[in-house]
Amino acid sequence: MARRRIVTLTTDLGSAYAAQMKAVLYRSLPPGHIVDIAHDLPAHGIDEASFLLRHIGAAFPKGSVHVAVVDPGVGGARAAVAVGCADGSFLVGPDNGVLYPLADHLGIRSVVRIDPARANPGHAVSATFEGRDVFAPAAARLATGATLRSLGRPHALSRQPLPEPHWEGSWAYGVILHIDRFGNAITNLPTGWFPEIPSTLRLGLGRRTRILPRRRTYSELAPRAIGVLGSSFGTLEVSAREGRAVTRLGLAVGQRLRVRTAATRADGKYRRP
């Protein structure tokens, strides 16, 4: 019997549409083989989804099948693709950037444009729900032993990397890539760029600047205080103790920011998270 792989799901679809994808997958996979990464992502938030998939998907076992459906162009010209990676994993979803960061991290070996007639023979495809009718069937086939070549023809995956942080003089420039359910703003600025804690950092947002404490845990902040911590992603996050920093500071995904401290490492050398 062919090996049955783990299938992960990362979507902005909500639970009802995600359940329809799972119904397709469970026709081929036994219980326990499908793992939800997230289904409550902001609608159409490709960059945020790609950031989370890159960091969370990379922690799964080699050979997993990762399905991502954040697809504002569903039914349009963008390609439906499956990616084979160097560690034996597969990625399935739209070629709109959501797959690229994880695919690049795992090592892109080959890519096909999925032919719906091969992925889901004998079934009609909804123009508004390829997650159910193309991506889930393709993932199920890969998870149960099908080859990438059996799903379609070779395709060149679009290169759409995540934004990179950089230094300009004594300021480190970055961008907010994720806002979690607690209202913490997760940036792409590596924690290792900044001095040990406790210390203070100057945060710049447009023309505004603000001096914030740099702390190790939320409990080290004063009640309701806003500060900067090291996130579980290995990057800085702007947080409020038992509050929502994004609301109080007016932060949003995609917003650029800059950070400075008297002891920054201006050489820009760091270990990538």
C-alpha atoms as a PDB file:
ATOM      1  CA  MET A   1       0.000   0.000   0.000  1.00  0.00           C
ATOM      2  CA  ALA A   2       1.283   3.462  -0.905  1.00  0.00           C
ATOM      3  CA  ARG A   3       2.394   5.731   1.892  1.00  0.00           C
ATOM      4  CA  ARG A   4      -0.267   8.211   3.026  1.00  0.00           C
ATOM      5  CA  ARG A   5       1.230  11.628   3.639  1.00  0.00           C
ATOM      6  CA  ILE A   6       0.132  14.380   6.023  1.00  0.00           C
ATOM      7  CA  VAL A   7      -1.873  17.111   4.278  1.00  0.00           C
ATOM      8  CA  THR A   8      -1.907  20.626   5.763  1.00  0.00           C
ATOM      9  CA  LEU A   9      -4.490  23.299   4.942  1.00  0.00           C
ATOM     10  CA  THR A  10      -3.891  27.048   5.035  1.00  0.00           C
ATOM     11  CA  THR A  11      -6.800  29.167   3.832  1.00  0.00           C
ATOM     12  CA  ASP A  12      -8.871  32.310   4.265  1.00  0.00           C
ATOM     13  CA  LEU A  13     -12.046  30.323   3.613  1.00  0.00           C
ATOM     14  CA  GLY A  14     -13.521  29.901   7.084  1.00  0.00           C
ATOM     15  CA  SER A  15     -14.702  26.612   8.528  1.00  0.00           C
ATOM     16  CA  ALA A  16     -17.613  25.817   6.183  1.00  0.00           C
ATOM     17  CA  TYR A  17     -15.678  26.012   2.917  1.00  0.00           C
ATOM     18  CA  ALA A  18     -12.676  24.318   4.543  1.00  0.00           C
ATOM     19  CA  ALA A  19     -14.954  21.436   5.550  1.00  0.00           C
ATOM     20  CA  GLN A  20     -15.854  20.912   1.897  1.00  0.00           C
ATOM     21  CA  MET A  21     -12.162  20.531   1.061  1.00  0.00           C
ATOM     22  CA  LYS A  22     -11.729  18.079   3.918  1.00  0.00           C
ATOM     23  CA  ALA A  23     -14.672  16.020   2.636  1.00  0.00           C
ATOM     24  CA  VAL A  24     -12.760  15.537  -0.619  1.00  0.00           C
ATOM     25  CA  LEU A  25      -9.515  14.671   1.156  1.00  0.00           C
ATOM     26  CA  TYR A  26     -11.122  12.189   3.540  1.00  0.00           C
ATOM     27  CA  ARG A  27     -12.374  10.121   0.624  1.00  0.00           C
ATOM     28  CA  SER A  28      -8.725   9.088   0.205  1.00  0.00           C
ATOM     29  CA  LEU A  29      -7.091   9.701   3.578  1.00  0.00           C
ATOM     30  CA  PRO A  30      -7.789   8.168   6.989  1.00  0.00           C
ATOM     31  CA  PRO A  31      -8.452  10.319  10.074  1.00  0.00           C
ATOM     32  CA  GLY A  32      -5.405  12.050  11.497  1.00  0.00           C
ATOM     33  CA  HIS A  33      -3.746  12.812   8.171  1.00  0.00           C
ATOM     34  CA  ILE A  34      -5.237  16.300   7.681  1.00  0.00           C
ATOM     35  CA  VAL A  35      -3.902  19.206   9.766  1.00  0.00           C
ATOM     36  CA  ASP A  36      -5.404  22.688   9.825  1.00  0.00           C
ATOM     37  CA  ILE A  37      -2.798  25.442   9.914  1.00  0.00           C
ATOM     38  CA  ALA A  38      -5.391  28.227   9.638  1.00  0.00           C
ATOM     39  CA  HIS A  39      -8.741  28.989   8.044  1.00  0.00           C
ATOM     40  CA  ASP A  40      -9.345  32.388   9.642  1.00  0.00           C
ATOM     41  CA  LEU A  41      -6.711  34.361   7.736  1.00  0.00           C
ATOM     42  CA  PRO A  42      -7.735  37.811   6.472  1.00  0.00           C
ATOM     43  CA  ALA A  43      -9.573  37.514   3.171  1.00  0.00           C
ATOM     44  CA  HIS A  44      -7.271  37.860   0.142  1.00  0.00           C
ATOM     45  CA  GLY A  45      -4.199  38.369   2.384  1.00  0.00           C
ATOM     46  CA  ILE A  46      -1.638  36.591   0.226  1.00  0.00           C
ATOM     47  CA  ASP A  47       1.482  38.037   1.883  1.00  0.00           C
ATOM     48  CA  GLU A  48       0.317  37.235   5.420  1.00  0.00           C
ATOM     49  CA  ALA A  49      -0.672  33.711   4.408  1.00  0.00           C
ATOM     50  CA  SER A  50       2.657  33.112   2.678  1.00  0.00           C
ATOM     51  CA  PHE A  51       4.537  34.280   5.795  1.00  0.00           C
ATOM     52  CA  LEU A  52       2.627  31.888   8.058  1.00  0.00           C
ATOM     53  CA  LEU A  53       2.866  28.983   5.614  1.00  0.00           C
ATOM     54  CA  ARG A  54       6.604  29.521   5.267  1.00  0.00           C
ATOM     55  CA  HIS A  55       7.246  29.415   9.008  1.00  0.00           C
ATOM     56  CA  ILE A  56       4.673  26.847  10.108  1.00  0.00           C
ATOM     57  CA  GLY A  57       4.804  24.550   7.085  1.00  0.00           C
ATOM     58  CA  ALA A  58       8.577  24.195   7.391  1.00  0.00           C
ATOM     59  CA  ALA A  59       8.142  22.549  10.800  1.00  0.00           C
ATOM     60  CA  PHE A  60       6.114  19.616   9.430  1.00  0.00           C
ATOM     61  CA  PRO A  61       7.712  16.270   8.538  1.00  0.00           C
ATOM     62  CA  LYS A  62       9.477  15.848   5.239  1.00  0.00           C
ATOM     63  CA  GLY A  63       7.159  14.570   2.561  1.00  0.00           C
ATOM     64  CA  SER A  64       4.057  16.464   3.755  1.00  0.00           C
ATOM     65  CA  VAL A  65       1.593  17.935   1.274  1.00  0.00           C
ATOM     66  CA  HIS A  66       0.824  21.604   1.951  1.00  0.00           C
ATOM     67  CA  VAL A  67      -2.332  23.083   0.433  1.00  0.00           C
ATOM     68  CA  ALA A  68      -2.779  26.868   0.498  1.00  0.00           C
ATOM     69  CA  VAL A  69      -5.971  28.524  -0.735  1.00  0.00           C
ATOM     70  CA  VAL A  70      -5.817  32.304  -0.434  1.00  0.00           C
ATOM     71  CA  ASP A  71      -6.906  32.961  -3.955  1.00  0.00           C
ATOM     72  CA  PRO A  72      -8.516  36.273  -4.935  1.00  0.00           C
ATOM     73  CA  GLY A  73      -7.912  35.365  -8.602  1.00  0.00           C
ATOM     74  CA  VAL A  74      -9.805  32.058  -8.424  1.00  0.00           C
ATOM     75  CA  GLY A  75     -11.042  30.932 -11.825  1.00  0.00           C
ATOM     76  CA  GLY A  76      -8.929  33.550 -13.601  1.00  0.00           C
ATOM     77  CA  ALA A  77      -5.643  33.573 -15.492  1.00  0.00           C
ATOM     78  CA  ARG A  78      -3.398  32.656 -12.561  1.00  0.00           C
ATOM     79  CA  ALA A  79      -2.190  29.054 -12.723  1.00  0.00           C
ATOM     80  CA  ALA A  80      -3.230  26.254 -10.388  1.00  0.00           C
ATOM     81  CA  VAL A  81       0.048  24.537  -9.517  1.00  0.00           C
ATOM     82  CA  ALA A  82       1.665  21.692  -7.650  1.00  0.00           C
ATOM     83  CA  VAL A  83       5.301  21.976  -6.536  1.00  0.00           C
ATOM     84  CA  GLY A  84       7.669  19.139  -5.750  1.00  0.00           C
ATOM     85  CA  CYS A  85      10.355  20.059  -3.198  1.00  0.00           C
ATOM     86  CA  ALA A  86      13.819  18.739  -2.471  1.00  0.00           C
ATOM     87  CA  ASP A  87      12.782  17.201   0.872  1.00  0.00           C
ATOM     88  CA  GLY A  88      10.006  15.182  -0.778  1.00  0.00           C
ATOM     89  CA  SER A  89       7.210  17.554   0.224  1.00  0.00           C
ATOM     90  CA  PHE A  90       4.586  18.925  -2.148  1.00  0.00           C
ATOM     91  CA  LEU A  91       2.829  22.289  -2.252  1.00  0.00           C
ATOM     92  CA  VAL A  92      -0.534  22.774  -3.948  1.00  0.00           C
ATOM     93  CA  GLY A  93      -2.380  26.022  -4.626  1.00  0.00           C
ATOM     94  CA  PRO A  94      -2.569  29.087  -6.853  1.00  0.00           C
ATOM     95  CA  ASP A  95       0.565  30.564  -8.398  1.00  0.00           C
ATOM     96  CA  ASN A  96      -0.018  33.982  -6.829  1.00  0.00           C
ATOM     97  CA  GLY A  97       2.858  34.111  -4.347  1.00  0.00           C
ATOM     98  CA  VAL A  98       1.283  32.220  -1.458  1.00  0.00           C
ATOM     99  CA  LEU A  99       3.364  29.078  -2.094  1.00  0.00           C
ATOM    100  CA  TYR A 100       6.674  30.607  -3.118  1.00  0.00           C
ATOM    101  CA  PRO A 101       8.378  31.397   0.243  1.00  0.00           C
ATOM    102  CA  LEU A 102       7.890  27.871   1.610  1.00  0.00           C
ATOM    103  CA  ALA A 103       8.716  26.281  -1.740  1.00  0.00           C
ATOM    104  CA  ASP A 104      11.934  28.291  -1.939  1.00  0.00           C
ATOM    105  CA  HIS A 105      12.845  27.344   1.638  1.00  0.00           C
ATOM    106  CA  LEU A 106      12.262  23.619   1.029  1.00  0.00           C
ATOM    107  CA  GLY A 107      13.981  23.708  -2.369  1.00  0.00           C
ATOM    108  CA  ILE A 108      11.986  23.801  -5.582  1.00  0.00           C
ATOM    109  CA  ARG A 109      12.615  20.661  -7.627  1.00  0.00           C
ATOM    110  CA  SER A 110       9.771  20.663 -10.172  1.00  0.00           C
ATOM    111  CA  VAL A 111       6.457  22.429 -10.805  1.00  0.00           C
ATOM    112  CA  VAL A 112       3.396  21.522 -12.873  1.00  0.00           C
ATOM    113  CA  ARG A 113       0.327  23.453 -13.885  1.00  0.00           C
ATOM    114  CA  ILE A 114      -2.528  21.280 -12.685  1.00  0.00           C
ATOM    115  CA  ASP A 115      -4.906  19.950 -15.322  1.00  0.00           C
ATOM    116  CA  PRO A 116      -8.279  19.675 -13.546  1.00  0.00           C
ATOM    117  CA  ALA A 117      -9.238  16.715 -15.741  1.00  0.00           C
ATOM    118  CA  ARG A 118      -6.215  14.826 -14.425  1.00  0.00           C
ATOM    119  CA  ALA A 119      -6.556  15.919 -10.801  1.00  0.00           C
ATOM    120  CA  ASN A 120     -10.281  15.226 -10.560  1.00  0.00           C
ATOM    121  CA  PRO A 121     -11.364  13.153 -13.563  1.00  0.00           C
ATOM    122  CA  GLY A 122     -15.049  13.030 -14.309  1.00  0.00           C
ATOM    123  CA  HIS A 123     -15.986  15.940 -12.040  1.00  0.00           C
ATOM    124  CA  ALA A 124     -17.047  19.466 -12.893  1.00  0.00           C
ATOM    125  CA  VAL A 125     -14.948  22.357 -11.596  1.00  0.00           C
ATOM    126  CA  SER A 126     -16.578  25.374  -9.978  1.00  0.00           C
ATOM    127  CA  ALA A 127     -15.114  28.639 -11.254  1.00  0.00           C
ATOM    128  CA  THR A 128     -15.386  30.025  -7.723  1.00  0.00           C
ATOM    129  CA  PHE A 129     -14.092  27.103  -5.639  1.00  0.00           C
ATOM    130  CA  GLU A 130     -11.019  25.458  -7.104  1.00  0.00           C
ATOM    131  CA  GLY A 131      -9.897  24.732  -3.543  1.00  0.00           C
ATOM    132  CA  ARG A 132     -12.497  21.988  -3.383  1.00  0.00           C
ATOM    133  CA  ASP A 133     -12.553  20.910  -7.030  1.00  0.00           C
ATOM    134  CA  VAL A 134      -8.867  21.168  -8.058  1.00  0.00           C
ATOM    135  CA  PHE A 135      -6.479  21.668  -5.136  1.00  0.00           C
ATOM    136  CA  ALA A 136      -7.994  19.167  -2.682  1.00  0.00           C
ATOM    137  CA  PRO A 137      -8.234  16.363  -5.280  1.00  0.00           C
ATOM    138  CA  ALA A 138      -4.678  17.068  -6.463  1.00  0.00           C
ATOM    139  CA  ALA A 139      -3.404  16.979  -2.875  1.00  0.00           C
ATOM    140  CA  ALA A 140      -5.254  13.725  -2.203  1.00  0.00           C
ATOM    141  CA  ARG A 141      -3.645  12.118  -5.234  1.00  0.00           C
ATOM    142  CA  LEU A 142      -0.166  13.252  -4.205  1.00  0.00           C
ATOM    143  CA  ALA A 143      -0.763  12.136  -0.622  1.00  0.00           C
ATOM    144  CA  THR A 144      -1.609   8.617  -1.793  1.00  0.00           C
ATOM    145  CA  GLY A 145       1.283   8.097  -4.186  1.00  0.00           C
ATOM    146  CA  ALA A 146       0.557   9.882  -7.470  1.00  0.00           C
ATOM    147  CA  THR A 147       3.469  11.545  -9.244  1.00  0.00           C
ATOM    148  CA  LEU A 148       3.661  15.260  -9.904  1.00  0.00           C
ATOM    149  CA  ARG A 149       3.895  14.603 -13.630  1.00  0.00           C
ATOM    150  CA  SER A 150       0.552  12.799 -13.580  1.00  0.00           C
ATOM    151  CA  LEU A 151      -1.226  16.038 -12.624  1.00  0.00           C
ATOM    152  CA  GLY A 152      -0.181  18.335 -15.445  1.00  0.00           C
ATOM    153  CA  ARG A 153       2.536  19.922 -17.554  1.00  0.00           C
ATOM    154  CA  PRO A 154       5.733  21.682 -16.410  1.00  0.00           C
ATOM    155  CA  HIS A 155       5.300  25.242 -15.223  1.00  0.00           C
ATOM    156  CA  ALA A 156       7.638  28.031 -14.074  1.00  0.00           C
ATOM    157  CA  LEU A 157       6.613  29.135 -10.575  1.00  0.00           C
ATOM    158  CA  SER A 158       6.387  32.895 -10.120  1.00  0.00           C
ATOM    159  CA  ARG A 159       9.112  34.271  -7.825  1.00  0.00           C
ATOM    160  CA  GLN A 160       7.410  36.317  -5.124  1.00  0.00           C
ATOM    161  CA  PRO A 161       9.602  36.351  -2.008  1.00  0.00           C
ATOM    162  CA  LEU A 162       8.629  37.899   1.294  1.00  0.00           C
ATOM    163  CA  PRO A 163       9.886  41.442   1.968  1.00  0.00           C
ATOM    164  CA  GLU A 164      13.430  41.600   3.316  1.00  0.00           C
ATOM    165  CA  PRO A 165      14.460  43.899   6.183  1.00  0.00           C
ATOM    166  CA  HIS A 166      17.408  46.208   5.686  1.00  0.00           C
ATOM    167  CA  TRP A 167      19.565  48.848   7.347  1.00  0.00           C
ATOM    168  CA  GLU A 168      19.779  52.522   6.431  1.00  0.00           C
ATOM    169  CA  GLY A 169      22.310  54.165   8.694  1.00  0.00           C
ATOM    170  CA  SER A 170      21.327  53.506  12.307  1.00  0.00           C
ATOM    171  CA  TRP A 171      17.738  52.529  11.430  1.00  0.00           C
ATOM    172  CA  ALA A 172      16.556  49.001  10.662  1.00  0.00           C
ATOM    173  CA  TYR A 173      13.641  49.051   8.209  1.00  0.00           C
ATOM    174  CA  GLY A 174      11.030  46.325   8.079  1.00  0.00           C
ATOM    175  CA  VAL A 175       7.373  45.569   7.520  1.00  0.00           C
ATOM    176  CA  ILE A 176       4.508  44.042   9.506  1.00  0.00           C
ATOM    177  CA  LEU A 177       3.735  40.605   8.047  1.00  0.00           C
ATOM    178  CA  HIS A 178       1.199  39.167  10.488  1.00  0.00           C
ATOM    179  CA  ILE A 179      -1.250  40.326  13.126  1.00  0.00           C
ATOM    180  CA  ASP A 180      -2.207  37.555  15.526  1.00  0.00           C
ATOM    181  CA  ARG A 181      -5.517  37.135  17.354  1.00  0.00           C
ATOM    182  CA  PHE A 182      -4.148  38.993  20.391  1.00  0.00           C
ATOM    183  CA  GLY A 183      -3.429  42.124  18.365  1.00  0.00           C
ATOM    184  CA  ASN A 184       0.347  41.647  18.298  1.00  0.00           C
ATOM    185  CA  ALA A 185       2.097  42.945  15.175  1.00  0.00           C
ATOM    186  CA  ILE A 186       4.700  40.457  13.912  1.00  0.00           C
ATOM    187  CA  THR A 187       7.443  42.089  11.832  1.00  0.00           C
ATOM    188  CA  ASN A 188      10.187  40.725   9.592  1.00  0.00           C
ATOM    189  CA  LEU A 189      12.959  42.355  11.670  1.00  0.00           C
ATOM    190  CA  PRO A 190      15.198  39.605  13.097  1.00  0.00           C
ATOM    191  CA  THR A 191      15.396  39.570  16.876  1.00  0.00           C
ATOM    192  CA  GLY A 192      19.174  39.120  16.643  1.00  0.00           C
ATOM    193  CA  TRP A 193      19.607  42.563  15.102  1.00  0.00           C
ATOM    194  CA  PHE A 194      18.915  44.208  18.438  1.00  0.00           C
ATOM    195  CA  PRO A 195      20.570  44.257  21.862  1.00  0.00           C
ATOM    196  CA  GLU A 196      19.840  41.980  24.740  1.00  0.00           C
ATOM    197  CA  ILE A 197      16.960  42.783  27.041  1.00  0.00           C
ATOM    198  CA  PRO A 198      15.945  44.804  28.922  1.00  0.00           C
ATOM    199  CA  SER A 199      16.572  47.871  26.796  1.00  0.00           C
ATOM    200  CA  THR A 200      14.618  50.496  24.885  1.00  0.00           C
ATOM    201  CA  LEU A 201      13.952  50.844  21.174  1.00  0.00           C
ATOM    202  CA  ARG A 202      12.794  53.789  19.113  1.00  0.00           C
ATOM    203  CA  LEU A 203       9.944  52.756  16.795  1.00  0.00           C
ATOM    204  CA  GLY A 204       9.221  54.866  13.725  1.00  0.00           C
ATOM    205  CA  LEU A 205       5.872  54.770  11.906  1.00  0.00           C
ATOM    206  CA  GLY A 206       5.795  57.285   9.092  1.00  0.00           C
ATOM    207  CA  ARG A 207       6.544  60.645  10.679  1.00  0.00           C
ATOM    208  CA  ARG A 208       5.723  59.376  14.159  1.00  0.00           C
ATOM    209  CA  THR A 209       8.331  57.955  16.524  1.00  0.00           C
ATOM    210  CA  ARG A 210       7.857  56.331  19.876  1.00  0.00           C
ATOM    211  CA  ILE A 211      10.241  54.963  22.505  1.00  0.00           C
ATOM    212  CA  LEU A 212       9.190  51.504  23.695  1.00  0.00           C
ATOM    213  CA  PRO A 213      10.619  49.030  26.214  1.00  0.00           C
ATOM    214  CA  ARG A 214      12.247  45.879  24.852  1.00  0.00           C
ATOM    215  CA  ARG A 215      11.277  42.938  27.039  1.00  0.00           C
ATOM    216  CA  ARG A 216      11.473  39.130  27.041  1.00  0.00           C
ATOM    217  CA  THR A 217       7.905  38.317  28.134  1.00  0.00           C
ATOM    218  CA  TYR A 218       4.515  40.042  28.186  1.00  0.00           C
ATOM    219  CA  SER A 219       4.469  39.893  31.986  1.00  0.00           C
ATOM    220  CA  GLU A 220       7.590  42.069  32.131  1.00  0.00           C
ATOM    221  CA  LEU A 221       5.598  44.942  30.655  1.00  0.00           C
ATOM    222  CA  ALA A 222       3.563  47.168  32.941  1.00  0.00           C
ATOM    223  CA  PRO A 223      -0.204  46.505  32.768  1.00  0.00           C
ATOM    224  CA  ARG A 224      -1.612  47.754  29.426  1.00  0.00           C
ATOM    225  CA  ALA A 225       1.846  49.001  28.390  1.00  0.00           C
ATOM    226  CA  ILE A 226       3.059  48.678  24.800  1.00  0.00           C
ATOM    227  CA  GLY A 227       6.470  47.152  24.180  1.00  0.00           C
ATOM    228  CA  VAL A 228       8.654  45.172  21.789  1.00  0.00           C
ATOM    229  CA  LEU A 229       9.299  41.441  22.274  1.00  0.00           C
ATOM    230  CA  GLY A 230      10.902  38.635  20.331  1.00  0.00           C
ATOM    231  CA  SER A 231       8.127  36.688  18.595  1.00  0.00           C
ATOM    232  CA  SER A 232       7.970  32.917  18.219  1.00  0.00           C
ATOM    233  CA  PHE A 233       8.879  33.485  14.549  1.00  0.00           C
ATOM    234  CA  GLY A 234      12.322  34.791  15.498  1.00  0.00           C
ATOM    235  CA  THR A 235      11.403  38.376  14.644  1.00  0.00           C
ATOM    236  CA  LEU A 236      10.342  41.444  16.603  1.00  0.00           C
ATOM    237  CA  GLU A 237       6.711  41.914  17.534  1.00  0.00           C
ATOM    238  CA  VAL A 238       4.986  45.040  18.844  1.00  0.00           C
ATOM    239  CA  SER A 239       2.692  44.051  21.698  1.00  0.00           C
ATOM    240  CA  ALA A 240       0.529  45.433  24.476  1.00  0.00           C
ATOM    241  CA  ARG A 241       0.228  43.583  27.755  1.00  0.00           C
ATOM    242  CA  GLU A 242      -3.327  42.200  27.864  1.00  0.00           C
ATOM    243  CA  GLY A 243      -4.338  44.592  25.109  1.00  0.00           C
ATOM    244  CA  ARG A 244      -4.219  45.111  21.358  1.00  0.00           C
ATOM    245  CA  ALA A 245      -1.145  47.032  20.239  1.00  0.00           C
ATOM    246  CA  VAL A 246      -2.378  47.192  16.642  1.00  0.00           C
ATOM    247  CA  THR A 247      -5.514  49.061  17.679  1.00  0.00           C
ATOM    248  CA  ARG A 248      -3.740  51.532  19.928  1.00  0.00           C
ATOM    249  CA  LEU A 249      -0.996  52.296  17.393  1.00  0.00           C
ATOM    250  CA  GLY A 250      -3.085  51.957  14.225  1.00  0.00           C
ATOM    251  CA  LEU A 251      -0.957  49.137  12.799  1.00  0.00           C
ATOM    252  CA  ALA A 252      -1.775  46.963   9.783  1.00  0.00           C
ATOM    253  CA  VAL A 253      -0.265  44.140   7.753  1.00  0.00           C
ATOM    254  CA  GLY A 254       1.983  45.579   5.061  1.00  0.00           C
ATOM    255  CA  GLN A 255       2.787  48.690   7.075  1.00  0.00           C
ATOM    256  CA  ARG A 256       6.424  49.722   7.005  1.00  0.00           C
ATOM    257  CA  LEU A 257       8.283  50.649  10.165  1.00  0.00           C
ATOM    258  CA  ARG A 258      11.755  51.447  11.335  1.00  0.00           C
ATOM    259  CA  VAL A 259      13.546  50.643  14.589  1.00  0.00           C
ATOM    260  CA  ARG A 260      16.640  52.158  16.154  1.00  0.00           C
ATOM    261  CA  THR A 261      18.591  51.793  19.354  1.00  0.00           C
ATOM    262  CA  ALA A 262      21.952  53.121  20.492  1.00  0.00           C
ATOM    263  CA  ALA A 263      23.439  49.640  20.337  1.00  0.00           C
ATOM    264  CA  THR A 264      22.101  48.303  17.023  1.00  0.00           C
ATOM    265  CA  ARG A 265      24.308  46.095  14.905  1.00  0.00           C
ATOM    266  CA  ALA A 266      24.710  48.429  11.975  1.00  0.00           C
ATOM    267  CA  ASP A 267      26.690  45.852   9.983  1.00  0.00           C
ATOM    268  CA  GLY A 268      23.399  44.093   9.273  1.00  0.00           C
ATOM    269  CA  LYS A 269      24.815  40.653  10.050  1.00  0.00           C
ATOM    270  CA  TYR A 270      22.420  38.165  11.561  1.00  0.00           C
ATOM    271  CA  ARG A 271      21.305  34.586  11.435  1.00  0.00           C
ATOM    272  CA  ARG A 272      18.114  34.118   9.476  1.00  0.00           C
ATOM    273  CA  PRO A 273      15.224  32.697  11.555  1.00  0.00           C
END
